[in-house]
């Protein structure tokens, strides 16, 4: 039985020898810990991690990339309400439903409508481009 290749080697091969830096960071985290631990750290399942490293994930790679960059690579952005936050924190805040009982949640909901980091805004812009 041959030894298992390190995750980074497998990911490099799957991405045709040229994986983006965030794929390298994800593969290194999996080699350091495990797919399950890396997935928990960025908020995704181990199956998503596996598919991504294999170059076969069909989901939203931009959100996954932002989660990796925030949680594993220390990338931050400027939130109009919260100030400087990690990219993965921004994604998590966007997933939380707005609540009329929370002033902060309402501020975030309003700010996300025009924020360049908003997934909702990006999706609305894509739909408008398709309709045009």
C-alpha atoms as a PDB file:
ATOM      1  CA  UNK A   1       0.000   0.000   0.000  1.00  0.00           C
ATOM      2  CA  UNK A   2       1.426   3.375  -1.010  1.00  0.00           C
ATOM      3  CA  UNK A   3       1.555   6.227   1.488  1.00  0.00           C
ATOM      4  CA  UNK A   4      -1.142   8.867   1.274  1.00  0.00           C
ATOM      5  CA  UNK A   5      -0.070  12.086  -0.436  1.00  0.00           C
ATOM      6  CA  UNK A   6      -0.244  15.245   1.640  1.00  0.00           C
ATOM      7  CA  UNK A   7      -3.411  17.236   1.030  1.00  0.00           C
ATOM      8  CA  UNK A   8      -1.452  20.102  -0.488  1.00  0.00           C
ATOM      9  CA  UNK A   9       0.052  17.775  -3.115  1.00  0.00           C
ATOM     10  CA  UNK A  10      -3.364  16.355  -3.999  1.00  0.00           C
ATOM     11  CA  UNK A  11      -4.917  19.836  -4.184  1.00  0.00           C
ATOM     12  CA  UNK A  12      -2.085  21.100  -6.381  1.00  0.00           C
ATOM     13  CA  UNK A  13      -2.643  18.219  -8.778  1.00  0.00           C
ATOM     14  CA  UNK A  14      -6.436  18.725  -8.776  1.00  0.00           C
ATOM     15  CA  UNK A  15      -6.021  22.432  -9.514  1.00  0.00           C
ATOM     16  CA  UNK A  16      -3.713  21.580 -12.441  1.00  0.00           C
ATOM     17  CA  UNK A  17      -0.548  22.618 -10.647  1.00  0.00           C
ATOM     18  CA  UNK A  18      -1.712  26.173  -9.968  1.00  0.00           C
ATOM     19  CA  UNK A  19      -3.993  26.393  -6.928  1.00  0.00           C
ATOM     20  CA  UNK A  20      -4.933  29.867  -5.653  1.00  0.00           C
ATOM     21  CA  UNK A  21      -3.319  30.978  -2.398  1.00  0.00           C
ATOM     22  CA  UNK A  22      -6.505  30.346  -0.421  1.00  0.00           C
ATOM     23  CA  UNK A  23      -6.647  26.722  -1.616  1.00  0.00           C
ATOM     24  CA  UNK A  24      -3.052  26.311  -0.455  1.00  0.00           C
ATOM     25  CA  UNK A  25      -3.975  27.772   2.958  1.00  0.00           C
ATOM     26  CA  UNK A  26      -6.969  25.429   3.209  1.00  0.00           C
ATOM     27  CA  UNK A  27      -4.899  22.372   2.226  1.00  0.00           C
ATOM     28  CA  UNK A  28      -2.202  23.296   4.738  1.00  0.00           C
ATOM     29  CA  UNK A  29      -4.837  23.620   7.466  1.00  0.00           C
ATOM     30  CA  UNK A  30      -6.214  20.168   6.579  1.00  0.00           C
ATOM     31  CA  UNK A  31      -2.686  18.709   6.684  1.00  0.00           C
ATOM     32  CA  UNK A  32      -2.128  20.382  10.077  1.00  0.00           C
ATOM     33  CA  UNK A  33      -5.478  19.335  11.573  1.00  0.00           C
ATOM     34  CA  UNK A  34      -8.129  17.433   9.579  1.00  0.00           C
ATOM     35  CA  UNK A  35     -10.895  18.125   7.058  1.00  0.00           C
ATOM     36  CA  UNK A  36     -13.438  18.165   9.868  1.00  0.00           C
ATOM     37  CA  UNK A  37     -11.499  20.641  12.010  1.00  0.00           C
ATOM     38  CA  UNK A  38     -10.680  22.871   9.032  1.00  0.00           C
ATOM     39  CA  UNK A  39     -14.338  22.790   7.979  1.00  0.00           C
ATOM     40  CA  UNK A  40     -15.536  23.781  11.432  1.00  0.00           C
ATOM     41  CA  UNK A  41     -13.019  26.585  11.539  1.00  0.00           C
ATOM     42  CA  UNK A  42     -14.342  28.152   8.333  1.00  0.00           C
ATOM     43  CA  UNK A  43     -18.007  27.163   8.780  1.00  0.00           C
ATOM     44  CA  UNK A  44     -18.265  24.487   6.085  1.00  0.00           C
ATOM     45  CA  UNK A  45     -18.680  20.706   6.108  1.00  0.00           C
ATOM     46  CA  UNK A  46     -15.791  18.319   5.582  1.00  0.00           C
ATOM     47  CA  UNK A  47     -17.404  17.172   2.322  1.00  0.00           C
ATOM     48  CA  UNK A  48     -17.274  20.744   0.988  1.00  0.00           C
ATOM     49  CA  UNK A  49     -13.608  20.900   2.010  1.00  0.00           C
ATOM     50  CA  UNK A  50     -12.921  17.625   0.202  1.00  0.00           C
ATOM     51  CA  UNK A  51     -14.728  18.692  -2.979  1.00  0.00           C
ATOM     52  CA  UNK A  52     -13.025  22.089  -2.985  1.00  0.00           C
ATOM     53  CA  UNK A  53      -9.551  20.648  -2.613  1.00  0.00           C
ATOM     54  CA  UNK A  54     -10.366  18.144  -5.373  1.00  0.00           C
ATOM     55  CA  UNK A  55     -11.465  21.006  -7.635  1.00  0.00           C
ATOM     56  CA  UNK A  56     -15.014  19.668  -7.948  1.00  0.00           C
ATOM     57  CA  UNK A  57     -17.072  21.875  -5.581  1.00  0.00           C
ATOM     58  CA  UNK A  58     -20.074  23.317  -7.455  1.00  0.00           C
ATOM     59  CA  UNK A  59     -21.172  25.759  -4.758  1.00  0.00           C
ATOM     60  CA  UNK A  60     -20.320  29.406  -4.166  1.00  0.00           C
ATOM     61  CA  UNK A  61     -16.513  29.488  -4.300  1.00  0.00           C
ATOM     62  CA  UNK A  62     -16.403  33.233  -3.603  1.00  0.00           C
ATOM     63  CA  UNK A  63     -18.060  32.796  -0.211  1.00  0.00           C
ATOM     64  CA  UNK A  64     -15.865  29.822   0.568  1.00  0.00           C
ATOM     65  CA  UNK A  65     -12.793  31.811  -0.435  1.00  0.00           C
ATOM     66  CA  UNK A  66     -13.849  34.710   1.820  1.00  0.00           C
ATOM     67  CA  UNK A  67     -14.332  32.294   4.729  1.00  0.00           C
ATOM     68  CA  UNK A  68     -10.871  30.799   4.202  1.00  0.00           C
ATOM     69  CA  UNK A  69      -9.255  34.208   3.820  1.00  0.00           C
ATOM     70  CA  UNK A  70     -10.910  35.477   7.006  1.00  0.00           C
ATOM     71  CA  UNK A  71     -10.535  32.428   9.245  1.00  0.00           C
ATOM     72  CA  UNK A  72      -7.212  31.046   8.048  1.00  0.00           C
ATOM     73  CA  UNK A  73      -5.392  33.930   6.389  1.00  0.00           C
ATOM     74  CA  UNK A  74      -6.352  36.866   8.630  1.00  0.00           C
ATOM     75  CA  UNK A  75      -8.042  38.917   5.891  1.00  0.00           C
ATOM     76  CA  UNK A  76     -10.172  41.777   7.173  1.00  0.00           C
ATOM     77  CA  UNK A  77     -12.548  44.326   5.739  1.00  0.00           C
ATOM     78  CA  UNK A  78     -14.184  47.526   6.875  1.00  0.00           C
ATOM     79  CA  UNK A  79     -17.789  47.063   7.977  1.00  0.00           C
ATOM     80  CA  UNK A  80     -19.776  50.319   8.002  1.00  0.00           C
ATOM     81  CA  UNK A  81     -21.366  49.301  11.318  1.00  0.00           C
ATOM     82  CA  UNK A  82     -18.835  47.096  13.156  1.00  0.00           C
ATOM     83  CA  UNK A  83     -15.571  48.605  11.898  1.00  0.00           C
ATOM     84  CA  UNK A  84     -12.674  46.336  10.911  1.00  0.00           C
ATOM     85  CA  UNK A  85     -13.701  42.682  11.034  1.00  0.00           C
ATOM     86  CA  UNK A  86     -12.483  39.378   9.580  1.00  0.00           C
ATOM     87  CA  UNK A  87     -14.015  38.377   6.234  1.00  0.00           C
ATOM     88  CA  UNK A  88     -15.472  35.208   7.713  1.00  0.00           C
ATOM     89  CA  UNK A  89     -17.099  37.288  10.492  1.00  0.00           C
ATOM     90  CA  UNK A  90     -18.746  39.434   7.810  1.00  0.00           C
ATOM     91  CA  UNK A  91     -20.203  36.334   6.145  1.00  0.00           C
ATOM     92  CA  UNK A  92     -21.499  35.051   9.487  1.00  0.00           C
ATOM     93  CA  UNK A  93     -23.135  38.397  10.271  1.00  0.00           C
ATOM     94  CA  UNK A  94     -24.894  38.325   6.888  1.00  0.00           C
ATOM     95  CA  UNK A  95     -26.384  34.908   7.690  1.00  0.00           C
ATOM     96  CA  UNK A  96     -28.033  36.162  10.879  1.00  0.00           C
ATOM     97  CA  UNK A  97     -31.617  37.261  10.372  1.00  0.00           C
ATOM     98  CA  UNK A  98     -32.420  40.879  11.029  1.00  0.00           C
ATOM     99  CA  UNK A  99     -34.474  41.468  14.131  1.00  0.00           C
ATOM    100  CA  UNK A 100     -36.597  44.512  14.810  1.00  0.00           C
ATOM    101  CA  UNK A 101     -35.850  44.005  18.502  1.00  0.00           C
ATOM    102  CA  UNK A 102     -32.145  44.658  17.987  1.00  0.00           C
ATOM    103  CA  UNK A 103     -30.902  48.053  16.910  1.00  0.00           C
ATOM    104  CA  UNK A 104     -27.566  46.583  15.859  1.00  0.00           C
ATOM    105  CA  UNK A 105     -29.224  43.893  13.694  1.00  0.00           C
ATOM    106  CA  UNK A 106     -31.323  46.588  11.986  1.00  0.00           C
ATOM    107  CA  UNK A 107     -28.243  48.777  11.378  1.00  0.00           C
ATOM    108  CA  UNK A 108     -26.425  45.812   9.860  1.00  0.00           C
ATOM    109  CA  UNK A 109     -29.398  44.893   7.662  1.00  0.00           C
ATOM    110  CA  UNK A 110     -29.590  48.446   6.290  1.00  0.00           C
ATOM    111  CA  UNK A 111     -25.839  48.755   5.798  1.00  0.00           C
ATOM    112  CA  UNK A 112     -25.595  45.398   3.996  1.00  0.00           C
ATOM    113  CA  UNK A 113     -27.978  46.620   1.290  1.00  0.00           C
ATOM    114  CA  UNK A 114     -25.320  49.008  -0.048  1.00  0.00           C
ATOM    115  CA  UNK A 115     -22.106  47.417   1.253  1.00  0.00           C
ATOM    116  CA  UNK A 116     -19.659  46.184  -1.399  1.00  0.00           C
ATOM    117  CA  UNK A 117     -18.989  43.076   0.734  1.00  0.00           C
ATOM    118  CA  UNK A 118     -22.640  42.011   0.856  1.00  0.00           C
ATOM    119  CA  UNK A 119     -23.443  38.665  -0.773  1.00  0.00           C
ATOM    120  CA  UNK A 120     -27.067  39.792  -1.130  1.00  0.00           C
ATOM    121  CA  UNK A 121     -26.027  42.925  -3.002  1.00  0.00           C
ATOM    122  CA  UNK A 122     -23.667  40.950  -5.242  1.00  0.00           C
ATOM    123  CA  UNK A 123     -26.441  38.489  -6.097  1.00  0.00           C
ATOM    124  CA  UNK A 124     -28.877  41.317  -6.870  1.00  0.00           C
ATOM    125  CA  UNK A 125     -26.269  42.950  -9.154  1.00  0.00           C
ATOM    126  CA  UNK A 126     -25.754  39.624 -11.003  1.00  0.00           C
ATOM    127  CA  UNK A 127     -29.513  39.226 -11.517  1.00  0.00           C
ATOM    128  CA  UNK A 128     -29.777  42.767 -12.888  1.00  0.00           C
ATOM    129  CA  UNK A 129     -26.936  42.106 -15.359  1.00  0.00           C
ATOM    130  CA  UNK A 130     -28.645  38.940 -16.620  1.00  0.00           C
ATOM    131  CA  UNK A 131     -31.944  40.774 -17.100  1.00  0.00           C
ATOM    132  CA  UNK A 132     -30.308  43.555 -19.121  1.00  0.00           C
END
